[in-house]
């Protein structure tokens, strides 16, 4: 199983980026795909998730209204559209996959995810 994250970069505050997570190696129809981020000196935190089967989404309060998670089944790819970026969004962003439903606390905790991508750096300058 491989999750390949891409799309990070340097952007000014107020700008936008779109991250991609290409999944391969198995069928992900029963999985939840999530995005997490980790800033220097901070713990990893949940950003957003989407159920591959239902399309239901969840977001951290800090990104609600600014970030949108989506999927393309034909390409086996999950996207994270990030708008109105702030300096505090600066972090390494990781995509991950876990088996099961999207409701409940397990979606927001990284330890419940089985597969992880390599991370992509997002830097937002003020």
N, C-alpha and C. Protein backbone atom coordinates (compact mmCIF):
# COMPACT_ATOMS: atom_id res chain seq x y z
N UNK A 1 0.85 -1.19 0.00
CA UNK A 1 0.00 0.00 0.00
C UNK A 1 0.88 1.24 0.00
N UNK A 2 0.52 2.18 -0.86
CA UNK A 2 1.28 3.43 -0.92
C UNK A 2 0.35 4.63 -0.93
N UNK A 3 0.70 5.63 -0.13
CA UNK A 3 0.02 6.91 -0.16
C UNK A 3 1.08 7.95 -0.50
N UNK A 4 0.86 8.63 -1.60
CA UNK A 4 1.84 9.59 -2.07
C UNK A 4 1.25 10.99 -1.99
N UNK A 5 1.75 11.78 -1.04
CA UNK A 5 1.26 13.15 -0.87
C UNK A 5 2.11 14.12 -1.68
N UNK A 6 1.45 15.13 -2.23
CA UNK A 6 2.16 16.15 -3.00
C UNK A 6 1.37 17.45 -2.98
N UNK A 7 1.99 18.51 -3.49
CA UNK A 7 1.29 19.77 -3.64
C UNK A 7 1.68 20.85 -2.65
N UNK A 8 2.54 20.53 -1.70
CA UNK A 8 2.95 21.54 -0.73
C UNK A 8 3.81 22.61 -1.38
N UNK A 9 4.10 23.65 -0.61
CA UNK A 9 4.94 24.72 -1.12
C UNK A 9 4.91 25.92 -0.21
N UNK A 10 5.45 27.02 -0.73
CA UNK A 10 5.51 28.29 0.00
C UNK A 10 4.46 29.23 -0.58
N UNK A 11 3.64 29.80 0.29
CA UNK A 11 2.57 30.69 -0.17
C UNK A 11 2.42 31.81 0.84
N UNK A 12 1.96 32.95 0.38
CA UNK A 12 1.72 34.08 1.27
C UNK A 12 0.40 33.90 2.01
N UNK A 13 0.30 34.53 3.15
CA UNK A 13 -0.95 34.50 3.91
C UNK A 13 -2.09 35.00 3.03
N UNK A 14 -3.22 34.30 3.12
CA UNK A 14 -4.36 34.63 2.28
C UNK A 14 -4.39 33.85 0.99
N UNK A 15 -3.31 33.17 0.68
CA UNK A 15 -3.22 32.40 -0.55
C UNK A 15 -3.84 31.02 -0.42
N UNK A 16 -3.59 30.19 -1.45
CA UNK A 16 -4.19 28.87 -1.46
C UNK A 16 -3.21 27.85 -2.02
N UNK A 17 -3.47 26.60 -1.64
CA UNK A 17 -2.73 25.45 -2.16
C UNK A 17 -3.70 24.28 -2.25
N UNK A 18 -3.40 23.33 -3.12
CA UNK A 18 -4.17 22.09 -3.16
C UNK A 18 -3.21 20.91 -2.99
N UNK A 19 -3.43 20.16 -1.95
CA UNK A 19 -2.64 18.96 -1.72
C UNK A 19 -3.34 17.75 -2.35
N UNK A 20 -2.54 16.82 -2.81
CA UNK A 20 -3.06 15.58 -3.39
C UNK A 20 -2.48 14.39 -2.64
N UNK A 21 -3.27 13.34 -2.55
CA UNK A 21 -2.82 12.09 -1.95
C UNK A 21 -3.24 10.95 -2.88
N UNK A 22 -2.28 10.41 -3.60
CA UNK A 22 -2.55 9.32 -4.52
C UNK A 22 -2.39 8.00 -3.79
N UNK A 23 -3.45 7.18 -3.81
CA UNK A 23 -3.45 5.92 -3.09
C UNK A 23 -3.34 4.75 -4.07
N UNK A 24 -2.56 3.75 -3.69
CA UNK A 24 -2.40 2.58 -4.55
C UNK A 24 -2.11 1.35 -3.70
N UNK A 25 -2.31 0.19 -4.29
CA UNK A 25 -1.94 -1.05 -3.61
C UNK A 25 -3.09 -1.84 -3.05
N UNK A 26 -4.26 -1.24 -2.97
CA UNK A 26 -5.43 -1.96 -2.50
C UNK A 26 -6.67 -1.16 -2.85
N UNK A 27 -7.83 -1.77 -2.58
CA UNK A 27 -9.09 -1.06 -2.74
C UNK A 27 -9.42 -0.33 -1.45
N UNK A 28 -9.69 0.97 -1.56
CA UNK A 28 -9.89 1.78 -0.38
C UNK A 28 -11.36 2.08 -0.11
N UNK A 29 -12.27 1.33 -0.71
CA UNK A 29 -13.69 1.64 -0.60
C UNK A 29 -14.22 1.59 0.83
N UNK A 30 -13.58 0.82 1.70
CA UNK A 30 -14.04 0.74 3.08
C UNK A 30 -13.19 1.58 4.02
N UNK A 31 -12.42 2.47 3.46
CA UNK A 31 -11.49 3.26 4.26
C UNK A 31 -11.95 4.70 4.42
N UNK A 32 -11.44 5.31 5.48
CA UNK A 32 -11.51 6.75 5.68
C UNK A 32 -10.13 7.31 5.36
N UNK A 33 -10.11 8.34 4.55
CA UNK A 33 -8.86 9.00 4.20
C UNK A 33 -8.76 10.30 4.99
N UNK A 34 -7.65 10.49 5.64
CA UNK A 34 -7.50 11.67 6.48
C UNK A 34 -6.27 12.48 6.14
N UNK A 35 -6.32 13.73 6.53
CA UNK A 35 -5.15 14.62 6.46
C UNK A 35 -4.81 15.05 7.88
N UNK A 36 -3.55 14.97 8.21
CA UNK A 36 -3.02 15.44 9.48
C UNK A 36 -1.88 16.39 9.19
N UNK A 37 -1.52 17.16 10.19
CA UNK A 37 -0.37 18.05 10.03
C UNK A 37 0.43 18.12 11.33
N UNK A 38 1.71 18.42 11.16
CA UNK A 38 2.58 18.57 12.32
C UNK A 38 3.51 19.75 12.10
N UNK A 39 3.39 20.72 12.98
CA UNK A 39 4.25 21.90 12.94
C UNK A 39 5.46 21.65 13.85
N UNK A 40 6.56 22.34 13.61
CA UNK A 40 7.77 22.16 14.44
C UNK A 40 7.46 22.38 15.91
N UNK A 41 7.86 21.42 16.73
CA UNK A 41 7.68 21.53 18.17
C UNK A 41 6.27 21.26 18.65
N UNK A 42 5.39 20.87 17.74
CA UNK A 42 4.00 20.62 18.13
C UNK A 42 3.63 19.18 17.82
N UNK A 43 2.55 18.73 18.44
CA UNK A 43 2.06 17.39 18.17
C UNK A 43 1.31 17.36 16.85
N UNK A 44 1.26 16.18 16.29
CA UNK A 44 0.48 15.98 15.08
C UNK A 44 -0.99 16.24 15.38
N UNK A 45 -1.68 16.90 14.45
CA UNK A 45 -3.09 17.19 14.67
C UNK A 45 -3.93 16.84 13.44
N UNK A 46 -5.15 16.49 13.72
CA UNK A 46 -6.12 16.16 12.68
C UNK A 46 -6.52 17.42 11.93
N UNK A 47 -6.67 17.28 10.62
CA UNK A 47 -7.10 18.40 9.78
C UNK A 47 -8.46 18.12 9.16
N UNK A 48 -8.57 17.02 8.43
CA UNK A 48 -9.81 16.71 7.72
C UNK A 48 -9.83 15.24 7.36
N UNK A 49 -11.02 14.73 7.09
CA UNK A 49 -11.16 13.33 6.68
C UNK A 49 -12.37 13.18 5.79
N UNK A 50 -12.33 12.14 4.97
CA UNK A 50 -13.45 11.83 4.08
C UNK A 50 -13.64 10.33 4.02
N UNK A 51 -14.90 9.91 4.06
CA UNK A 51 -15.21 8.50 3.89
C UNK A 51 -15.20 8.17 2.41
N UNK A 52 -14.41 7.17 2.05
CA UNK A 52 -14.32 6.83 0.63
C UNK A 52 -15.65 6.33 0.08
N UNK A 53 -16.42 5.64 0.88
CA UNK A 53 -17.68 5.07 0.39
C UNK A 53 -18.82 6.07 0.39
N UNK A 54 -18.97 6.86 1.46
CA UNK A 54 -20.13 7.75 1.59
C UNK A 54 -19.84 9.18 1.16
N UNK A 55 -18.58 9.57 1.18
CA UNK A 55 -18.24 10.95 0.88
C UNK A 55 -18.44 11.91 2.04
N UNK A 56 -18.87 11.39 3.19
CA UNK A 56 -19.04 12.24 4.37
C UNK A 56 -17.68 12.79 4.79
N UNK A 57 -17.68 14.06 5.18
CA UNK A 57 -16.43 14.72 5.55
C UNK A 57 -16.46 15.23 6.98
N UNK A 58 -15.28 15.40 7.53
CA UNK A 58 -15.12 16.00 8.86
C UNK A 58 -13.92 16.91 8.82
N UNK A 59 -14.00 17.98 9.64
CA UNK A 59 -12.93 18.96 9.65
C UNK A 59 -12.59 19.36 11.09
N UNK A 60 -11.35 19.72 11.29
CA UNK A 60 -10.96 20.35 12.54
C UNK A 60 -11.56 21.76 12.56
N UNK A 61 -11.90 22.24 13.75
CA UNK A 61 -12.50 23.57 13.85
C UNK A 61 -11.60 24.65 13.27
N UNK A 62 -10.30 24.45 13.38
CA UNK A 62 -9.35 25.47 12.94
C UNK A 62 -9.32 25.66 11.43
N UNK A 63 -9.84 24.70 10.68
CA UNK A 63 -9.80 24.81 9.21
C UNK A 63 -11.18 24.85 8.58
N UNK A 64 -12.22 24.71 9.39
CA UNK A 64 -13.57 24.70 8.85
C UNK A 64 -13.85 26.00 8.11
N UNK A 65 -14.44 25.87 6.93
CA UNK A 65 -14.75 27.05 6.13
C UNK A 65 -13.61 27.51 5.25
N UNK A 66 -12.41 27.00 5.49
CA UNK A 66 -11.25 27.38 4.67
C UNK A 66 -10.71 26.21 3.86
N UNK A 67 -10.76 25.01 4.42
CA UNK A 67 -10.23 23.83 3.75
C UNK A 67 -11.39 22.95 3.27
N UNK A 68 -11.16 22.27 2.16
CA UNK A 68 -12.15 21.33 1.64
C UNK A 68 -11.46 20.05 1.24
N UNK A 69 -11.94 18.93 1.76
CA UNK A 69 -11.41 17.63 1.37
C UNK A 69 -12.35 17.01 0.35
N UNK A 70 -11.77 16.36 -0.65
CA UNK A 70 -12.58 15.73 -1.69
C UNK A 70 -11.83 14.52 -2.21
N UNK A 71 -12.53 13.73 -3.05
CA UNK A 71 -11.91 12.51 -3.59
C UNK A 71 -12.28 12.34 -5.05
N UNK A 72 -11.42 11.65 -5.75
CA UNK A 72 -11.66 11.29 -7.14
C UNK A 72 -11.46 9.79 -7.23
N UNK A 73 -12.56 9.06 -7.31
CA UNK A 73 -12.48 7.61 -7.33
C UNK A 73 -11.75 7.06 -8.53
N UNK A 74 -11.92 7.70 -9.66
CA UNK A 74 -11.28 7.23 -10.89
C UNK A 74 -9.76 7.30 -10.78
N UNK A 75 -9.28 8.29 -10.04
CA UNK A 75 -7.84 8.47 -9.91
C UNK A 75 -7.32 7.93 -8.59
N UNK A 76 -8.20 7.43 -7.73
CA UNK A 76 -7.81 6.94 -6.40
C UNK A 76 -7.02 8.01 -5.65
N UNK A 77 -7.51 9.22 -5.72
CA UNK A 77 -6.79 10.36 -5.15
C UNK A 77 -7.71 11.18 -4.27
N UNK A 78 -7.15 11.63 -3.16
CA UNK A 78 -7.86 12.52 -2.24
C UNK A 78 -7.17 13.87 -2.29
N UNK A 79 -7.96 14.92 -2.22
CA UNK A 79 -7.43 16.28 -2.31
C UNK A 79 -7.74 17.06 -1.04
N UNK A 80 -6.90 18.02 -0.75
CA UNK A 80 -7.18 18.98 0.31
C UNK A 80 -6.97 20.37 -0.27
N UNK A 81 -8.07 21.04 -0.55
CA UNK A 81 -8.01 22.41 -1.05
C UNK A 81 -7.93 23.33 0.15
N UNK A 82 -6.87 24.11 0.20
CA UNK A 82 -6.63 24.99 1.35
C UNK A 82 -6.68 26.43 0.88
N UNK A 83 -7.68 27.16 1.34
CA UNK A 83 -7.85 28.57 0.98
C UNK A 83 -7.63 29.45 2.21
N UNK A 84 -7.47 30.73 1.97
CA UNK A 84 -7.29 31.70 3.06
C UNK A 84 -6.24 31.21 4.06
N UNK A 85 -5.12 30.80 3.54
CA UNK A 85 -4.09 30.21 4.40
C UNK A 85 -3.51 31.24 5.37
N UNK A 86 -3.18 30.75 6.55
CA UNK A 86 -2.63 31.58 7.62
C UNK A 86 -1.24 31.06 7.99
N UNK A 87 -0.41 31.91 8.56
CA UNK A 87 0.92 31.43 8.99
C UNK A 87 0.83 30.23 9.93
N UNK A 88 -0.20 30.18 10.73
CA UNK A 88 -0.35 29.04 11.66
C UNK A 88 -0.71 27.74 10.96
N UNK A 89 -0.98 27.77 9.67
CA UNK A 89 -1.21 26.54 8.91
C UNK A 89 0.12 25.91 8.47
N UNK A 90 1.21 26.59 8.72
CA UNK A 90 2.52 26.05 8.35
C UNK A 90 2.80 24.76 9.08
N UNK A 91 3.10 23.71 8.33
CA UNK A 91 3.32 22.39 8.91
C UNK A 91 3.68 21.41 7.79
N UNK A 92 4.09 20.22 8.20
CA UNK A 92 4.17 19.10 7.25
C UNK A 92 2.81 18.42 7.28
N UNK A 93 2.24 18.24 6.10
CA UNK A 93 0.92 17.65 5.98
C UNK A 93 1.06 16.20 5.52
N UNK A 94 0.34 15.32 6.21
CA UNK A 94 0.38 13.90 5.91
C UNK A 94 -1.01 13.41 5.55
N UNK A 95 -1.08 12.52 4.55
CA UNK A 95 -2.34 11.83 4.32
C UNK A 95 -2.23 10.44 4.93
N UNK A 96 -3.38 9.91 5.30
CA UNK A 96 -3.41 8.62 5.99
C UNK A 96 -4.72 7.92 5.69
N UNK A 97 -4.75 6.62 5.95
CA UNK A 97 -5.95 5.83 5.68
C UNK A 97 -6.23 4.89 6.84
N UNK A 98 -7.51 4.80 7.21
CA UNK A 98 -7.92 3.86 8.25
C UNK A 98 -9.17 3.13 7.80
N UNK A 99 -9.27 1.90 8.25
CA UNK A 99 -10.44 1.09 7.93
C UNK A 99 -11.59 1.49 8.84
N UNK A 100 -12.81 1.48 8.29
CA UNK A 100 -13.96 1.71 9.14
C UNK A 100 -14.69 3.00 8.84
N UNK A 101 -15.60 3.38 9.77
CA UNK A 101 -16.44 4.53 9.58
C UNK A 101 -15.78 5.85 9.92
N UNK A 102 -16.44 6.93 9.53
CA UNK A 102 -15.87 8.26 9.73
C UNK A 102 -16.40 8.92 11.00
N UNK A 103 -17.52 8.42 11.53
CA UNK A 103 -18.05 9.02 12.75
C UNK A 103 -17.22 8.56 13.95
N UNK A 104 -17.26 9.30 14.99
CA UNK A 104 -16.57 8.89 16.21
C UNK A 104 -15.18 9.47 16.33
N UNK A 105 -14.60 9.25 17.49
CA UNK A 105 -13.32 9.86 17.82
C UNK A 105 -12.15 9.26 17.06
N UNK A 106 -12.28 8.02 16.59
CA UNK A 106 -11.12 7.38 15.96
C UNK A 106 -10.68 8.12 14.71
N UNK A 107 -11.57 8.84 14.09
CA UNK A 107 -11.22 9.55 12.87
C UNK A 107 -10.22 10.68 13.14
N UNK A 108 -10.27 11.25 14.33
CA UNK A 108 -9.43 12.41 14.62
C UNK A 108 -8.12 12.07 15.32
N UNK A 109 -7.86 10.79 15.54
CA UNK A 109 -6.62 10.37 16.20
C UNK A 109 -5.75 9.58 15.23
N UNK A 110 -4.55 10.04 15.04
CA UNK A 110 -3.65 9.42 14.09
C UNK A 110 -3.34 7.97 14.39
N UNK A 111 -3.36 7.59 15.64
CA UNK A 111 -2.97 6.22 16.00
C UNK A 111 -3.93 5.19 15.43
N UNK A 112 -5.12 5.59 15.01
CA UNK A 112 -6.07 4.64 14.45
C UNK A 112 -5.90 4.46 12.94
N UNK A 113 -4.98 5.20 12.35
CA UNK A 113 -4.74 5.09 10.93
C UNK A 113 -3.62 4.10 10.65
N UNK A 114 -3.86 3.25 9.65
CA UNK A 114 -2.92 2.17 9.36
C UNK A 114 -1.84 2.59 8.37
N UNK A 115 -2.23 3.33 7.37
CA UNK A 115 -1.30 3.68 6.30
C UNK A 115 -1.06 5.19 6.28
N UNK A 116 0.18 5.55 6.02
CA UNK A 116 0.58 6.96 6.01
C UNK A 116 1.42 7.29 4.79
N UNK A 117 1.22 8.49 4.27
CA UNK A 117 2.07 9.00 3.22
C UNK A 117 3.32 9.64 3.81
N UNK A 118 4.18 10.15 2.95
CA UNK A 118 5.48 10.64 3.40
C UNK A 118 5.46 12.09 3.88
N UNK A 119 4.40 12.82 3.66
CA UNK A 119 4.33 14.20 4.10
C UNK A 119 4.76 15.19 3.04
N UNK A 120 4.14 16.35 3.06
CA UNK A 120 4.49 17.43 2.15
C UNK A 120 4.48 18.74 2.95
N UNK A 121 5.51 19.56 2.75
CA UNK A 121 5.68 20.77 3.54
C UNK A 121 4.81 21.89 2.99
N UNK A 122 4.08 22.53 3.89
CA UNK A 122 3.32 23.74 3.57
C UNK A 122 3.86 24.87 4.44
N UNK A 123 4.29 25.93 3.80
CA UNK A 123 4.80 27.09 4.53
C UNK A 123 4.03 28.33 4.11
N UNK A 124 3.46 29.01 5.09
CA UNK A 124 2.66 30.20 4.82
C UNK A 124 3.39 31.40 5.44
N UNK A 125 3.78 32.33 4.61
CA UNK A 125 4.51 33.50 5.10
C UNK A 125 3.54 34.64 5.40
N UNK A 126 3.91 35.43 6.38
CA UNK A 126 3.01 36.55 6.77
C UNK A 126 3.33 37.81 6.01
